[in-house]
Protein backbone atom coordinates (compact mmCIF):
# COMPACT_ATOMS: atom_id res chain seq x y z
CA MET A 1 34.97 9.67 -7.32
CA THR A 2 31.23 9.73 -6.80
CA GLN A 3 28.96 10.78 -3.95
CA PRO A 4 25.82 8.97 -2.81
CA LEU A 5 22.71 9.72 -4.81
CA ARG A 6 20.44 12.01 -2.75
CA VAL A 7 16.76 11.11 -3.08
CA LEU A 8 13.85 12.93 -1.44
CA SER A 9 10.45 11.24 -1.19
CA LEU A 10 7.30 13.33 -0.81
CA TYR A 11 4.55 11.75 1.29
CA GLU A 12 1.05 13.18 1.64
CA GLY A 13 1.32 11.85 5.19
CA PHE A 14 1.97 8.78 7.29
CA PHE A 15 -1.26 6.82 7.55
CA ALA A 16 -2.35 3.23 6.98
CA GLY A 17 -2.14 1.97 3.42
CA GLY A 18 -0.26 -0.46 1.23
CA ALA A 19 1.43 2.21 -0.90
CA ARG A 20 3.10 3.71 2.17
CA VAL A 21 4.22 0.26 3.31
CA LEU A 22 5.78 -0.52 -0.06
CA HIS A 23 7.42 2.87 -0.62
CA SER A 24 8.89 2.90 2.87
CA ASP A 25 10.35 -0.57 2.17
CA VAL A 26 11.98 0.80 -0.98
CA VAL A 27 13.35 3.89 0.77
CA ALA A 28 14.78 1.95 3.71
CA GLY A 29 16.25 -0.70 1.43
CA LEU A 30 17.95 1.77 -0.91
CA HIS A 31 19.23 3.88 1.98
CA ALA A 32 20.81 0.79 3.51
CA GLY A 33 22.29 -0.01 0.09
CA GLY A 34 24.25 3.24 -0.16
CA GLN A 35 21.90 5.86 -1.57
CA GLN A 36 21.06 8.83 0.68
CA HIS A 37 17.30 8.99 1.20
CA SER A 38 15.12 11.43 3.10
CA VAL A 39 11.38 12.07 3.36
CA LEU A 40 9.27 15.20 3.44
CA SER A 41 5.77 14.53 4.77
CA ILE A 42 3.17 17.18 4.00
CA ALA A 43 1.09 16.17 7.03
CA ALA A 44 2.10 15.44 10.62
CA ASN A 45 -1.27 13.85 11.45
CA ALA A 46 -4.15 12.30 9.51
CA ARG A 47 -7.89 12.07 10.07
CA ARG A 48 -8.95 9.18 7.87
CA GLU A 49 -11.14 6.04 7.97
CA GLY A 50 -12.71 7.20 11.23
CA THR A 51 -9.32 7.37 12.99
CA VAL A 52 -6.73 9.95 13.98
CA GLN A 53 -3.28 8.73 12.96
CA HIS A 54 -0.17 10.52 14.23
CA MET A 55 2.98 10.49 12.14
CA THR A 56 5.36 9.64 14.98
CA ALA A 57 3.20 6.66 16.02
CA ASP A 58 3.14 5.25 12.50
CA HIS A 59 5.09 2.03 11.98
CA ARG A 60 6.43 3.19 8.59
CA TYR A 61 7.74 6.44 10.12
CA GLN A 62 9.39 4.55 12.97
CA LYS A 63 10.99 2.09 10.56
CA LEU A 64 12.44 4.85 8.38
CA VAL A 65 13.85 6.78 11.32
CA ALA A 66 15.36 3.58 12.76
CA SER A 67 16.97 2.98 9.35
CA GLY A 68 18.66 6.38 9.48
CA VAL A 69 16.32 8.07 6.98
CA GLY A 70 15.67 11.72 7.85
CA VAL A 71 11.97 12.64 7.98
CA ARG A 72 10.66 16.21 7.98
CA THR A 73 7.09 17.49 7.90
CA LEU A 74 5.23 20.62 6.86
CA GLY A 75 2.98 20.05 9.88
CA ARG A 76 -0.39 19.89 8.14
CA THR A 77 -3.27 17.51 8.96
CA ALA A 78 -4.23 15.10 6.20
CA GLY A 79 -7.89 14.48 5.46
CA ALA A 80 -9.97 12.89 2.75
CA GLN A 81 -8.57 15.30 0.13
CA ALA A 82 -4.97 16.34 -0.42
CA PRO A 83 -4.26 20.08 -0.16
CA ALA A 84 -4.52 22.11 -3.36
CA ARG A 85 -1.64 24.35 -4.41
CA SER A 86 -3.39 27.46 -3.02
CA GLU A 87 -3.58 25.96 0.47
CA TYR A 88 0.15 25.97 1.17
CA THR A 89 1.50 28.83 3.25
CA ALA A 90 4.59 30.81 2.32
CA GLU A 91 6.43 29.23 5.25
CA GLN A 92 5.51 25.72 4.12
CA LEU A 93 6.69 26.44 0.59
CA GLU A 94 10.01 27.77 1.86
CA LEU A 95 10.52 24.63 3.93
CA ALA A 96 9.65 22.42 0.96
CA ALA A 97 11.96 24.34 -1.39
CA GLU A 98 14.82 23.90 1.07
CA ALA A 99 14.22 20.15 1.23
CA LEU A 100 14.04 19.78 -2.54
CA SER A 101 17.19 21.83 -3.10
CA ASP A 102 19.23 19.13 -1.35
CA ALA A 103 17.99 16.32 -3.63
CA ASP A 104 19.32 14.91 -6.88
CA VAL A 105 16.02 13.08 -7.55
CA VAL A 106 12.54 13.52 -6.07
CA LEU A 107 9.98 10.73 -5.69
CA SER A 108 6.34 11.65 -5.17
CA LEU A 109 4.46 8.88 -3.37
CA LYS A 110 1.31 8.83 -5.51
CA GLU A 111 -0.05 11.93 -7.22
CA GLN A 112 -1.41 13.84 -4.22
CA PRO A 113 1.85 15.66 -3.31
CA VAL A 114 2.22 17.01 -6.86
CA ALA A 115 0.14 20.10 -5.97
CA LEU A 116 3.04 21.14 -3.73
CA LEU A 117 5.40 21.06 -6.73
CA LEU A 118 3.00 23.15 -8.79
CA ALA A 119 2.78 25.67 -5.94
CA LEU A 120 6.56 25.84 -5.75
CA GLN A 121 6.85 26.46 -9.48
CA ALA A 122 4.25 29.24 -9.31
CA ARG A 123 6.38 30.99 -6.66
CA GLY A 124 9.62 30.44 -8.57
CA LEU A 125 10.85 28.07 -5.87
CA MET A 126 10.88 24.77 -7.77
CA PRO A 127 14.47 23.59 -8.30
CA ASP A 128 15.59 21.97 -11.54
CA VAL A 129 15.49 18.38 -10.33
CA PRO A 130 14.00 15.27 -11.97
CA VAL A 131 10.75 14.12 -10.35
CA ALA A 132 9.26 10.65 -10.58
CA ALA A 133 5.67 10.04 -9.49
CA CYS A 134 5.20 6.57 -7.99
CA LEU A 135 1.70 5.40 -8.93
CA HIS A 136 -0.34 2.76 -7.11
CA ARG A 137 -3.89 2.87 -8.50
CA SER A 138 -5.62 1.25 -11.43
CA ASP A 139 -8.37 3.89 -11.53
CA PRO A 140 -6.81 7.37 -11.60
CA GLY A 141 -10.25 8.92 -12.04
CA HIS A 142 -10.87 8.27 -8.34
CA SER A 143 -7.91 10.52 -7.50
CA GLY A 144 -10.04 13.60 -8.18
CA ASP A 145 -8.11 16.83 -8.62
CA ALA A 146 -4.82 15.05 -7.97
CA LEU A 147 -5.05 13.45 -11.41
CA LEU A 148 -5.35 16.91 -12.97
CA TRP A 149 -2.33 18.08 -10.97
CA LEU A 150 -0.28 15.13 -12.16
CA ARG A 151 -1.27 15.61 -15.78
CA GLU A 152 -0.42 19.33 -15.60
CA ALA A 153 2.92 18.65 -13.90
CA ALA A 154 3.83 16.08 -16.56
CA ASP A 155 2.86 18.49 -19.34
CA ARG A 156 5.01 21.22 -17.78
CA GLY A 157 7.98 18.90 -17.38
CA ILE A 158 7.95 19.04 -13.57
CA VAL A 159 7.16 15.34 -13.33
CA THR A 160 9.62 13.74 -15.73
CA THR A 161 8.87 10.06 -15.03
CA THR A 162 6.13 7.82 -13.69
CA ILE A 163 6.88 4.54 -11.93
CA ALA A 164 3.81 2.30 -11.86
CA CYS A 165 3.54 -0.69 -9.53
CA ALA A 166 1.47 -2.69 -12.03
CA GLN A 167 0.85 -2.88 -15.75
CA SER A 168 -2.80 -1.99 -15.19
CA THR A 169 -1.66 1.18 -13.42
CA ALA A 170 0.67 2.23 -16.23
CA GLU A 171 -2.05 1.72 -18.84
CA ALA A 172 -4.73 3.52 -16.83
CA TYR A 173 -2.66 6.66 -16.25
CA ALA A 174 -1.52 6.80 -19.87
CA ASP A 175 -5.17 6.50 -20.95
CA ALA A 176 -5.95 9.37 -18.55
CA GLY A 177 -3.47 11.60 -20.36
CA VAL A 178 -0.51 11.41 -17.99
CA LEU A 179 2.36 11.30 -20.47
CA PRO A 180 5.73 12.31 -18.98
CA ALA A 181 9.03 11.92 -20.79
CA SER A 182 9.47 8.36 -19.50
CA ARG A 183 7.25 5.69 -17.95
CA LEU A 184 8.39 2.66 -15.99
CA VAL A 185 6.71 -0.36 -14.40
CA ILE A 186 8.26 -1.92 -11.29
CA THR A 187 5.99 -4.57 -9.81
CA ASN A 188 5.58 -4.98 -6.07
CA GLY A 189 7.51 -7.32 -3.82
CA VAL A 190 7.41 -8.16 -0.13
CA ASP A 191 9.89 -9.04 2.61
CA ILE A 192 9.81 -12.82 2.49
CA ARG A 193 11.98 -13.03 5.61
CA ARG A 194 9.27 -11.23 7.56
CA PHE A 195 6.32 -12.80 5.75
CA ARG A 196 6.96 -16.53 6.02
CA PRO A 197 4.98 -19.62 6.99
CA GLY A 198 4.64 -20.00 10.75
CA ARG A 199 5.97 -22.81 12.86
CA ALA A 200 3.41 -24.84 14.78
CA ALA A 201 4.24 -23.21 18.11
CA GLU A 202 4.01 -19.71 16.62
CA ARG A 203 0.65 -20.43 15.05
CA ALA A 204 -0.74 -21.92 18.25
CA ALA A 205 0.44 -18.96 20.35
CA MET A 206 -1.10 -16.39 18.00
CA ARG A 207 -4.41 -18.24 17.86
CA ARG A 208 -4.53 -18.24 21.66
CA GLN A 209 -3.72 -14.54 21.80
CA ILE A 210 -6.54 -13.58 19.44
CA GLY A 211 -9.00 -16.17 20.73
CA VAL A 212 -9.17 -18.47 17.72
CA PRO A 213 -9.55 -22.22 18.43
CA GLY A 214 -6.68 -24.30 17.13
CA ASP A 215 -8.66 -26.42 14.67
CA VAL A 216 -10.87 -23.89 12.83
CA PRO A 217 -10.24 -22.23 9.46
CA VAL A 218 -9.15 -18.57 9.45
CA VAL A 219 -9.99 -15.97 6.79
CA VAL A 220 -8.05 -12.68 7.00
CA PHE A 221 -9.33 -9.44 5.50
CA ALA A 222 -6.52 -6.85 5.62
CA ALA A 223 -7.98 -3.57 4.37
CA ARG A 224 -8.83 -0.11 5.58
CA PHE A 225 -12.48 0.82 6.03
CA ASP A 226 -13.02 2.39 2.65
CA ALA A 227 -15.47 1.97 -0.24
CA MET A 228 -12.58 0.96 -2.48
CA LYS A 229 -12.04 -2.16 -0.36
CA ASP A 230 -15.80 -2.92 -0.31
CA PRO A 231 -16.01 -4.27 3.25
CA GLU A 232 -19.75 -4.73 2.73
CA LEU A 233 -19.14 -7.37 0.06
CA PHE A 234 -16.70 -9.14 2.36
CA LEU A 235 -19.18 -9.11 5.25
CA ARG A 236 -22.00 -10.34 3.06
CA ALA A 237 -19.78 -13.25 2.01
CA VAL A 238 -19.00 -13.86 5.70
CA ALA A 239 -22.71 -13.94 6.49
CA ARG A 240 -23.26 -16.71 3.96
CA HIS A 241 -20.07 -18.65 4.72
CA SER A 242 -20.54 -18.60 8.51
CA ARG A 243 -23.91 -20.35 8.30
CA ARG A 244 -22.31 -23.62 7.27
CA GLY A 245 -18.99 -23.74 9.08
CA ARG A 246 -16.88 -22.77 12.09
CA ALA A 247 -14.46 -20.38 10.39
CA HIS A 248 -13.16 -17.28 12.14
CA TYR A 249 -12.78 -14.00 10.26
CA LEU A 250 -10.03 -11.50 11.14
CA LEU A 251 -10.49 -7.89 9.99
CA CYS A 252 -7.34 -5.73 10.13
CA GLY A 253 -6.78 -2.15 9.04
CA ALA A 254 -7.67 1.46 9.75
CA GLY A 255 -11.30 1.68 10.86
CA MET A 256 -11.65 -2.09 11.25
CA SER A 257 -12.37 -1.92 14.97
CA ALA A 258 -15.39 -1.94 17.26
CA ASP A 259 -15.06 1.79 17.97
CA ASN A 260 -15.99 2.58 14.36
CA PRO A 261 -19.80 2.91 14.42
CA ALA A 262 -20.01 2.77 10.61
CA LEU A 263 -18.35 -0.65 10.63
CA MET A 264 -20.65 -1.93 13.38
CA ASP A 265 -23.68 -0.74 11.42
CA LEU A 266 -22.35 -2.42 8.28
CA ILE A 267 -21.85 -5.72 10.10
CA ALA A 268 -25.47 -5.66 11.21
CA ARG A 269 -26.81 -4.71 7.77
CA ALA A 270 -24.75 -7.40 6.05
CA GLY A 271 -26.15 -10.08 8.37
CA ALA A 272 -22.71 -10.94 9.77
CA ALA A 273 -23.31 -10.07 13.42
CA GLY A 274 -23.50 -13.74 14.39
CA ALA A 275 -20.24 -14.72 12.70
CA ASN A 276 -16.92 -15.30 14.49
CA LEU A 277 -15.55 -11.84 13.73
CA HIS A 278 -12.34 -10.45 15.22
CA LEU A 279 -12.05 -6.69 14.71
CA LEU A 280 -8.33 -6.08 15.12
CA GLY A 281 -7.91 -2.56 13.71
CA ILE A 282 -4.46 -1.32 12.70
CA ARG A 283 -1.80 -3.96 13.35
CA ASN A 284 1.95 -3.61 13.08
CA ASP A 285 2.42 -7.37 13.29
CA MET A 286 0.60 -8.52 10.17
CA GLU A 287 3.26 -11.16 9.61
CA VAL A 288 1.97 -13.16 12.59
CA ILE A 289 -1.65 -12.61 11.58
CA TYR A 290 -1.00 -14.06 8.13
CA ARG A 291 0.79 -17.07 9.64
CA ILE A 292 -2.46 -18.31 11.18
CA ALA A 293 -4.51 -17.56 8.04
CA ASP A 294 -5.78 -20.19 5.66
CA ILE A 295 -7.22 -17.58 3.26
CA VAL A 296 -6.32 -13.95 2.65
CA ALA A 297 -9.41 -12.33 1.14
CA LEU A 298 -9.73 -9.24 -1.04
CA THR A 299 -13.11 -7.92 -2.20
CA SER A 300 -12.07 -4.55 -3.61
CA ALA A 301 -14.38 -2.85 -6.08
CA PHE A 302 -11.85 -0.56 -7.78
CA GLY A 303 -8.51 1.13 -7.41
CA GLU A 304 -6.28 -1.83 -6.62
CA ALA A 305 -3.13 -2.22 -8.66
CA SER A 306 -0.84 -4.78 -7.02
CA PRO A 307 -2.43 -5.54 -3.63
CA LEU A 308 0.24 -6.17 -1.01
CA CYS A 309 -2.07 -8.13 1.27
CA LEU A 310 -2.32 -10.92 -1.32
CA LEU A 311 1.45 -11.13 -1.73
CA GLU A 312 2.17 -10.93 2.00
CA GLY A 313 -0.47 -13.55 2.75
CA ALA A 314 0.77 -15.93 0.06
CA ALA A 315 4.37 -15.60 1.25
CA SER A 316 3.09 -16.61 4.69
CA GLY A 317 1.26 -19.66 3.35
CA ALA A 318 -2.27 -18.25 3.06
CA VAL A 319 -4.22 -18.77 -0.17
CA PRO A 320 -5.33 -15.51 -1.87
CA VAL A 321 -9.00 -15.30 -2.88
CA THR A 322 -9.63 -12.02 -4.68
CA THR A 323 -11.95 -10.12 -6.94
CA ASP A 324 -10.55 -9.28 -10.37
CA VAL A 325 -9.09 -5.82 -9.77
CA GLY A 326 -5.89 -4.30 -11.10
CA ASP A 327 -3.15 -6.88 -11.51
CA ALA A 328 -4.48 -9.13 -8.73
CA ALA A 329 -5.29 -12.02 -11.07
CA ARG A 330 -1.97 -11.73 -12.89
CA GLU A 331 0.12 -11.56 -9.73
CA THR A 332 -1.59 -14.47 -7.97
CA ALA A 333 -1.70 -16.73 -11.04
CA GLY A 334 -0.80 -20.28 -10.09
CA PHE A 335 -1.50 -19.95 -6.37
CA GLY A 336 -4.62 -17.77 -5.98
CA VAL A 337 -8.33 -17.86 -6.78
CA VAL A 338 -10.24 -15.08 -8.58
CA THR A 339 -13.97 -14.71 -7.91
CA PRO A 340 -16.89 -12.70 -9.28
CA ARG A 341 -18.14 -9.80 -7.19
CA ASP A 342 -20.89 -11.90 -5.63
CA PRO A 343 -21.08 -12.93 -1.95
CA ASP A 344 -22.35 -16.43 -2.69
CA ALA A 345 -19.57 -17.03 -5.22
CA ILE A 346 -16.96 -15.72 -2.77
CA ALA A 347 -18.26 -17.93 0.05
CA ALA A 348 -18.25 -20.93 -2.29
CA ALA A 349 -14.67 -20.16 -3.31
CA TRP A 350 -13.62 -20.07 0.35
CA ASP A 351 -15.21 -23.51 0.79
CA ASP A 352 -13.39 -24.86 -2.27
CA VAL A 353 -10.05 -23.53 -1.02
CA LEU A 354 -10.53 -24.95 2.45
CA GLY A 355 -11.38 -28.29 0.89
CA SER A 356 -8.09 -28.36 -1.05
CA LEU A 357 -5.96 -26.42 1.39
CA ARG A 358 -2.85 -28.58 1.52
CA GLY A 359 -2.15 -28.39 -2.21
CA LEU A 360 -3.07 -24.72 -2.57
CA ARG A 361 -0.99 -23.72 0.44
CA GLY A 362 1.94 -25.55 -1.14
CA ASP A 363 1.47 -23.58 -4.36
CA ALA A 364 1.52 -20.29 -2.43
CA ILE A 365 4.66 -21.21 -0.53
CA ALA A 366 6.36 -22.34 -3.75
CA ALA A 367 5.78 -18.84 -5.21
CA ARG A 368 7.72 -17.07 -2.46
CA GLY A 369 10.81 -16.59 -4.60
CA ARG A 370 8.99 -14.55 -7.21
CA LEU A 371 7.40 -12.37 -4.50
CA ASP A 372 10.67 -11.25 -2.91
CA ARG A 373 11.10 -7.48 -2.58
CA ALA A 374 14.86 -7.68 -3.29
CA ARG A 375 14.14 -7.61 -7.03
CA MET A 376 11.83 -4.59 -6.64
CA ILE A 377 14.32 -2.59 -4.57
CA ALA A 378 17.12 -3.30 -7.04
CA GLN A 379 14.96 -2.12 -9.94
CA TYR A 380 14.09 1.12 -8.10
CA GLY A 381 17.75 1.70 -7.39
CA GLN A 382 18.68 1.27 -11.04
CA ALA A 383 15.84 3.56 -12.15
CA LEU A 384 16.88 6.32 -9.76
CA SER A 385 20.50 6.14 -10.89
CA THR A 386 19.31 6.51 -14.48
CA LEU A 387 17.13 9.50 -13.62
CA ALA A 388 19.85 11.43 -11.78
CA PRO A 389 21.82 13.93 -13.83
CA ALA A 390 25.40 12.76 -14.32
CA ALA A 391 26.71 15.98 -12.75
CA ALA A 392 24.87 15.22 -9.53
CA LEU A 393 26.87 12.05 -9.02
CA ALA A 394 30.26 13.67 -9.46
CA ALA A 395 32.15 14.62 -6.31
């Protein structure tokens, strides 16, 4: 007789970002499939990208709780930098040790929570439990001190496994000296039941709601306001593209709203103030946004591994147009377009796509099967069962 595998995920916090979307999908999916998952969030609130984001208002948090996943928090406030090991209080460490003691396997969402594990070990509170760090960057050097924490934790045997979401991620962290006992790659997938092509009535209703005429092209930029995403390059491409067409441009994500003065200044400096911009901010209904999109654009400068926006957009019938970052080119091969980091080249690529939209949209829709998250969730489940000590599964 066996008991359900108990898995605890460590989150730096609940705030906007693709890694949190993906990991929460995995946790909810595996919990529904019979494993027993819970989450410990270091932060209860986050001040990031010019916004204040509260855990209980976060869509990922709400989804996990609705799925029956228990979520606890240490009550901190997340900022631009994750807390170092010396910043945790004795009370927070006791709470964390209690949570970890109930787990057969621990998953760290990215490397930032690893400082908590190092702090627990220093106090003699770290239980003997396998830990896998789930990695979602292709440039670990931009993780700052968190990369050093991860490397130290792997060297000490605290982190026993890394699970990378892309081949570029696995290679980058190995090159950076992160060498745990085992390393896995599980590529991203999306919910193709949620992200699907829209019916004509759905598309018309969403266009009316946002204020987009029914016959104009739509370019969606789903990204937080962060240098990694390079919103300036996107807006410079918009400035060029808007001079010769009627397209509308939808910006979604943390900080992508009119109450962010830095974004408004950037729009003016990029020359995009006269374009048909829709600043939609954080949306919990991206599936309906993508259904009215002709293009899903990505202009990231660094850091991307397996960008979810490209996969979600493609599954909805939008054509990905992306810079060559991480595994973006590999994962959109056959249905996406890769551009140089040049606004004129990006604007020209948008024109080319719009001129051949029927065929390219068909290619994106035809790729839906390979984008399905069911494969990803199954691979995570198998990996976690392998990581768990055999004794933990015995009744």
